[in-house]
Protein backbone atom coordinates (compact mmCIF):
# COMPACT_ATOMS: atom_id res chain seq x y z
CA MET A 1 76.08 -15.07 -29.09
CA ILE A 2 72.35 -14.89 -29.73
CA THR A 3 71.42 -12.36 -32.42
CA ASP A 4 68.24 -10.38 -32.96
CA ASP A 5 67.36 -12.48 -36.00
CA GLU A 6 67.78 -15.71 -34.02
CA LEU A 7 65.73 -14.34 -31.14
CA LYS A 8 63.00 -13.31 -33.60
CA GLN A 9 62.83 -16.81 -35.05
CA ILE A 10 62.78 -18.51 -31.64
CA MET A 11 60.19 -16.07 -30.21
CA PRO A 12 58.21 -14.88 -33.23
CA ASN A 13 55.52 -13.25 -31.08
CA CYS A 14 58.01 -10.95 -29.35
CA LYS A 15 57.77 -7.49 -30.88
CA ALA A 16 60.82 -5.90 -32.51
CA ALA A 17 60.94 -3.00 -30.04
CA LYS A 18 60.99 -5.35 -27.07
CA ARG A 19 63.66 -7.55 -28.65
CA ALA A 20 65.84 -4.50 -29.23
CA ASP A 21 65.28 -3.37 -25.65
CA TYR A 22 65.94 -6.75 -24.04
CA LEU A 23 68.54 -8.39 -26.29
CA PRO A 24 71.69 -6.66 -24.87
CA PHE A 25 70.69 -7.75 -21.35
CA ILE A 26 69.95 -11.30 -22.46
CA GLN A 27 73.36 -11.45 -24.15
CA GLN A 28 75.13 -10.06 -21.08
CA ALA A 29 73.43 -12.53 -18.75
CA MET A 30 74.22 -15.49 -20.99
CA GLU A 31 77.87 -14.44 -21.15
CA GLU A 32 78.11 -13.77 -17.39
CA PHE A 33 76.69 -17.15 -16.43
CA GLU A 34 78.42 -19.26 -19.10
CA ILE A 35 75.32 -19.98 -21.16
CA THR A 36 77.42 -19.79 -24.29
CA ALA A 37 77.45 -23.28 -25.80
CA TYR A 38 74.89 -24.36 -28.38
CA LEU A 39 72.82 -26.71 -26.21
CA ARG A 40 72.97 -24.35 -23.24
CA GLU A 41 71.73 -21.44 -25.34
CA ALA A 42 68.92 -23.49 -26.88
CA ALA A 43 67.68 -24.81 -23.53
CA PHE A 44 67.94 -21.44 -21.77
CA LEU A 45 66.10 -19.51 -24.48
CA ALA A 46 63.42 -22.20 -24.75
CA GLN A 47 62.70 -22.05 -21.03
CA LEU A 48 62.71 -18.24 -21.08
CA ALA A 49 60.27 -18.25 -23.99
CA HIS A 50 57.80 -20.44 -22.13
CA GLU A 51 58.18 -18.88 -18.69
CA SER A 52 57.83 -15.29 -19.91
CA GLY A 53 55.36 -15.78 -22.76
CA GLU A 54 58.09 -14.85 -25.29
CA LEU A 55 59.31 -12.00 -23.05
CA LYS A 56 55.80 -10.59 -22.59
CA TYR A 57 55.78 -11.01 -18.81
CA MET A 58 58.51 -10.00 -16.39
CA GLU A 59 56.23 -10.31 -13.36
CA GLU A 60 53.74 -12.89 -12.19
CA ILE A 61 50.16 -11.99 -13.14
CA ALA A 62 48.75 -13.18 -9.80
CA ASP A 63 49.22 -10.85 -6.83
CA GLY A 64 51.32 -13.32 -4.83
CA SER A 65 48.90 -13.75 -1.95
CA ALA A 66 49.01 -17.51 -2.52
CA TYR A 67 52.59 -17.42 -1.19
CA GLU A 68 51.66 -15.74 2.08
CA GLY A 69 53.03 -17.66 5.07
CA ARG A 70 55.08 -20.05 2.93
CA ALA A 71 57.93 -20.88 5.29
CA ASP A 72 59.67 -22.89 2.57
CA LEU A 73 60.03 -19.62 0.61
CA GLY A 74 61.10 -17.65 3.66
CA ASN A 75 57.83 -15.71 3.71
CA LEU A 76 57.61 -15.33 7.47
CA GLN A 77 56.57 -11.68 7.73
CA LYS A 78 53.11 -10.31 7.00
CA GLY A 79 52.82 -9.25 3.38
CA ASP A 80 55.81 -11.29 2.15
CA GLY A 81 53.65 -13.26 -0.28
CA LYS A 82 52.69 -10.22 -2.34
CA ARG A 83 55.96 -8.39 -1.74
CA TYR A 84 58.08 -11.27 -3.05
CA LYS A 85 55.82 -12.57 -5.81
CA GLY A 86 57.40 -14.08 -8.93
CA ARG A 87 59.47 -11.62 -10.95
CA GLY A 88 61.88 -11.87 -13.86
CA PRO A 89 61.77 -14.07 -16.99
CA ILE A 90 62.28 -17.15 -14.79
CA GLN A 91 60.23 -16.02 -11.85
CA LEU A 92 62.11 -15.45 -8.62
CA THR A 93 59.71 -16.08 -5.74
CA GLY A 94 59.88 -15.73 -1.95
CA ARG A 95 61.80 -13.60 0.54
CA ALA A 96 64.54 -16.21 1.03
CA ASN A 97 65.29 -16.32 -2.70
CA TYR A 98 65.21 -12.54 -3.06
CA ASP A 99 67.66 -12.32 -0.18
CA SER A 100 69.99 -15.04 -1.46
CA PHE A 101 70.05 -13.98 -5.11
CA GLY A 102 70.35 -10.33 -4.18
CA LYS A 103 73.41 -10.96 -2.02
CA THR A 104 75.09 -12.96 -4.80
CA LEU A 105 74.42 -10.21 -7.34
CA GLY A 106 75.36 -7.41 -4.95
CA LEU A 107 71.81 -6.01 -4.94
CA ASN A 108 69.34 -5.27 -2.15
CA LEU A 109 66.39 -7.19 -3.50
CA VAL A 110 64.77 -7.56 -0.09
CA ASP A 111 64.18 -3.81 0.21
CA ASN A 112 63.73 -3.28 -3.53
CA PRO A 113 61.96 -6.41 -4.78
CA GLN A 114 60.42 -4.65 -7.79
CA ILE A 115 63.80 -4.30 -9.54
CA ALA A 116 63.81 -8.07 -10.05
CA ALA A 117 61.32 -7.43 -12.85
CA THR A 118 63.58 -4.98 -14.71
CA LYS A 119 65.60 -5.95 -17.76
CA GLU A 120 68.82 -4.90 -16.04
CA VAL A 121 68.29 -7.29 -13.15
CA GLY A 122 65.73 -9.86 -14.28
CA PHE A 123 67.90 -11.54 -16.88
CA ARG A 124 70.86 -11.66 -14.50
CA ILE A 125 68.66 -13.40 -11.94
CA ALA A 126 67.57 -15.89 -14.59
CA GLY A 127 71.19 -16.53 -15.56
CA LEU A 128 72.29 -16.93 -11.95
CA TYR A 129 69.41 -19.32 -11.25
CA TRP A 130 70.34 -21.31 -14.35
CA LYS A 131 73.98 -21.65 -13.35
CA THR A 132 73.58 -22.27 -9.62
CA LYS A 133 70.93 -24.96 -10.19
CA GLY A 134 73.30 -26.89 -12.45
CA LEU A 135 71.22 -26.31 -15.56
CA ASN A 136 74.26 -25.66 -17.76
CA GLU A 137 75.47 -29.16 -17.01
CA LEU A 138 72.03 -30.65 -17.65
CA ALA A 139 71.76 -28.76 -20.93
CA ASP A 140 75.13 -30.16 -22.00
CA LYS A 141 73.64 -33.65 -21.85
CA GLY A 142 71.34 -32.92 -24.79
CA SER A 143 69.00 -35.87 -25.37
CA GLN A 144 70.58 -38.10 -22.72
CA ILE A 145 68.33 -39.68 -20.08
CA VAL A 146 68.95 -38.58 -16.50
CA THR A 147 67.54 -39.40 -13.08
CA VAL A 148 65.02 -37.02 -11.51
CA THR A 149 64.25 -37.33 -7.81
CA ARG A 150 60.66 -36.49 -6.91
CA ARG A 151 58.85 -36.15 -3.60
CA ARG A 152 55.50 -37.66 -2.64
CA LYS A 153 52.93 -35.92 -0.47
CA ASP A 154 54.17 -37.92 2.51
CA LYS A 155 57.65 -36.43 1.80
CA SER A 156 59.17 -39.75 0.77
CA THR A 157 61.15 -39.67 -2.46
CA PHE A 158 61.28 -41.72 -5.62
CA THR A 159 63.23 -41.50 -8.86
CA GLU A 160 62.22 -41.32 -12.50
CA GLN A 161 64.13 -41.30 -15.77
CA HIS A 162 63.63 -38.30 -18.04
CA PRO A 163 65.41 -36.58 -20.95
CA ALA A 164 67.82 -33.92 -19.68
CA PHE A 165 65.70 -31.05 -21.02
CA ASP A 166 62.68 -32.30 -19.08
CA ALA A 167 64.88 -32.48 -15.99
CA ILE A 168 65.62 -28.77 -16.53
CA THR A 169 61.87 -28.14 -16.67
CA PHE A 170 61.47 -30.01 -13.39
CA LYS A 171 64.19 -27.92 -11.73
CA ILE A 172 62.50 -24.70 -12.83
CA ASN A 173 58.87 -25.67 -12.42
CA GLY A 174 58.92 -28.29 -9.68
CA GLY A 175 56.97 -30.47 -12.12
CA PHE A 176 56.48 -30.70 -15.86
CA ASN A 177 53.87 -28.01 -16.48
CA GLY A 178 53.97 -26.73 -20.05
CA LYS A 179 56.22 -29.59 -21.12
CA GLU A 180 55.10 -29.72 -24.75
CA ASP A 181 55.33 -25.95 -25.17
CA ARG A 182 58.83 -25.89 -23.71
CA ILE A 183 59.94 -28.72 -26.00
CA LYS A 184 58.48 -26.85 -28.98
CA TYR A 185 60.70 -23.86 -28.23
CA TYR A 186 63.69 -26.11 -27.53
CA GLU A 187 63.48 -27.93 -30.85
CA ARG A 188 62.99 -24.63 -32.64
CA ALA A 189 65.96 -23.06 -30.89
CA LYS A 190 68.22 -26.01 -31.70
CA LYS A 191 67.28 -25.79 -35.36
CA ILE A 192 67.88 -22.05 -35.53
CA LEU A 193 71.02 -21.81 -33.40
CA SER A 194 72.71 -24.77 -35.11
CA LYS A 195 73.16 -22.67 -38.25
CA GLY A 196 76.14 -20.90 -36.73
CA ASP A 197 77.32 -23.66 -34.42
CA SER A 198 80.29 -24.89 -36.47
CA ALA A 199 82.25 -21.67 -36.22
CA ASP A 200 85.00 -21.41 -33.62
CA ALA A 201 86.82 -18.37 -32.32
CA THR A 202 89.80 -18.88 -34.58
CA ALA A 203 90.60 -15.18 -34.74
CA ALA A 204 92.05 -15.38 -31.25
CA ALA A 205 94.41 -18.20 -32.18
CA PRO A 206 98.16 -17.48 -32.54
CA ASN A 207 99.38 -17.23 -36.12
CA THR A 208 101.85 -20.09 -36.14
CA ALA A 209 102.25 -23.49 -34.51
CA ALA A 210 105.63 -22.45 -33.13
CA GLU A 211 104.01 -19.51 -31.39
CA VAL A 212 101.49 -21.84 -29.74
CA THR A 213 104.05 -24.40 -28.67
CA ALA A 214 106.17 -21.76 -27.02
CA GLY A 215 103.34 -20.77 -24.75
CA VAL A 216 102.05 -24.19 -23.70
CA GLU A 217 103.69 -26.62 -21.32
CA GLY A 218 103.49 -30.36 -21.88
CA ILE A 219 102.83 -30.49 -25.61
CA SER A 220 104.12 -33.71 -27.09
CA SER A 221 104.22 -34.08 -30.86
CA ALA A 222 103.61 -37.83 -30.84
CA GLY A 223 103.80 -41.02 -28.81
CA GLN A 224 103.77 -40.32 -25.06
CA ALA A 225 100.72 -38.40 -23.91
CA PRO A 226 101.02 -35.47 -21.50
CA ALA A 227 99.43 -36.18 -18.13
CA TYR A 228 95.65 -36.40 -18.30
CA PRO A 229 94.14 -33.24 -16.72
CA GLY A 230 92.15 -35.29 -14.20
CA THR A 231 88.75 -34.06 -15.39
CA ALA A 232 87.16 -34.45 -18.80
CA LEU A 233 87.46 -31.55 -21.22
CA ARG A 234 84.22 -30.54 -22.87
CA GLN A 235 82.60 -27.56 -24.54
CA ASP A 236 83.22 -24.36 -22.53
CA SER A 237 86.33 -25.78 -20.83
CA LYS A 238 89.23 -23.33 -20.89
CA GLY A 239 92.94 -23.26 -20.10
CA PRO A 240 96.31 -24.74 -21.01
CA ASP A 241 95.05 -28.34 -21.07
CA VAL A 242 92.50 -27.37 -23.71
CA GLN A 243 95.22 -25.61 -25.70
CA THR A 244 97.47 -28.67 -25.47
CA MET A 245 94.66 -30.85 -26.77
CA GLN A 246 93.80 -28.38 -29.54
CA GLN A 247 97.41 -28.23 -30.69
CA ARG A 248 97.61 -32.01 -30.91
CA LEU A 249 94.40 -32.14 -32.97
CA SER A 250 95.82 -29.45 -35.22
CA ASP A 251 99.06 -31.42 -35.61
CA LEU A 252 96.95 -34.40 -36.70
CA GLY A 253 95.32 -32.31 -39.40
CA TYR A 254 92.01 -31.32 -37.84
CA SER A 255 90.78 -27.81 -38.49
CA LEU A 256 90.23 -25.75 -35.34
CA GLY A 257 91.49 -22.72 -33.47
CA VAL A 258 94.26 -23.21 -30.91
CA ASP A 259 93.27 -20.66 -28.29
CA GLY A 260 92.60 -22.56 -25.05
CA ASN A 261 88.83 -22.18 -25.40
CA PHE A 262 86.79 -25.32 -26.06
CA GLY A 263 84.22 -23.89 -28.47
CA PRO A 264 81.91 -25.48 -31.05
CA GLY A 265 84.74 -25.78 -33.62
CA THR A 266 86.88 -27.67 -31.13
CA ALA A 267 83.97 -29.95 -30.31
CA LYS A 268 83.53 -30.67 -34.02
CA ALA A 269 87.21 -31.57 -34.35
CA VAL A 270 87.09 -33.83 -31.27
CA ILE A 271 84.04 -35.65 -32.63
CA ALA A 272 85.76 -36.12 -35.99
CA PHE A 273 88.86 -37.52 -34.26
CA GLN A 274 86.72 -39.86 -32.14
CA GLN A 275 84.87 -41.13 -35.20
CA ASP A 276 88.13 -41.66 -37.11
CA ASN A 277 89.48 -43.74 -34.23
CA ASN A 278 86.35 -45.66 -33.16
CA LEU A 279 86.02 -43.77 -29.89
CA GLY A 280 82.36 -42.87 -30.15
CA ASN A 281 81.29 -39.30 -30.87
CA ASP A 282 80.33 -37.51 -27.66
CA GLY A 283 82.79 -34.64 -28.21
CA ILE A 284 84.18 -35.03 -24.67
CA VAL A 285 87.89 -35.58 -24.10
CA GLY A 286 88.04 -38.14 -21.33
CA PRO A 287 90.96 -40.45 -20.45
CA ASN A 288 90.54 -42.70 -23.50
CA THR A 289 90.29 -39.90 -26.03
CA TRP A 290 93.14 -38.00 -24.37
CA THR A 291 95.47 -41.00 -24.53
CA ALA A 292 94.45 -41.83 -28.10
CA LEU A 293 95.42 -38.34 -29.24
CA TRP A 294 99.07 -39.14 -28.56
CA THR A 295 99.11 -42.84 -29.40
CA THR A 296 97.68 -42.50 -32.91
CA ALA A 297 99.50 -41.20 -35.92
CA LYS A 298 96.32 -41.29 -37.97
CA ALA A 299 95.74 -38.07 -39.86
CA ALA A 300 92.35 -36.45 -40.18
CA THR A 301 89.96 -37.80 -42.79
CA GLN A 302 87.49 -34.97 -42.21
CA SER A 303 87.46 -31.53 -40.64
């Protein structure tokens, strides 16, 4: 979870009093909307830093009149442009968005649009936007190149290839405005947040291997693999399949917590196993890695 010291280093121009005021709500929003893995945190905080001027602005400086009559934003009533101007650290704009996000959060944002600029609501809106737009999944891709679909003035579409972080910028901005500034924050956040990335939540793990085995179905000590879950396991995955995989890695000598939560420590162990067995190093347990876990007797050479 992001700390005050980390936030200070990522956003050095944000005053201490504001950090103290906002940090609990940033933490809550990141937890609520599953922005809890290293790359997700780095991307989210970088975009927040740019969009809000390092948390200086929680409301658009312009008065919103430019949005008047914008049917694509749901601004169909007189005064909607100003009433539903951009608010929050990732600016929510337009009647339709205020209505949709408000309903999801259980808030009446249509009749009370100004609360979107408060710390209690603004960061939750940013987190909800991040999750519903698929930005967690984009952030997980790190430096991978992805396809971005763009629209010409004549409404025809075309595709371009961009790094995943730039694709996040496109989803938020509708273009690539402020690209270099956003990347600056992203690289800074990755450097700062990586300091604590190797730790896993081992305190929640049962005390003995026997205790783990008793609570997990399908664990096989060697040879025949349990049935593949059907979807790849990756950071932030949770459940018995994760625990089964963790227990097998532990049996092979890799150091990690066996708690059913695919955290940074589990990712580190998976990458080490993949490297030891010439399976690449993406940290994702797909069909090949899953099968290899039970068909190799090779002990860990690193942890």
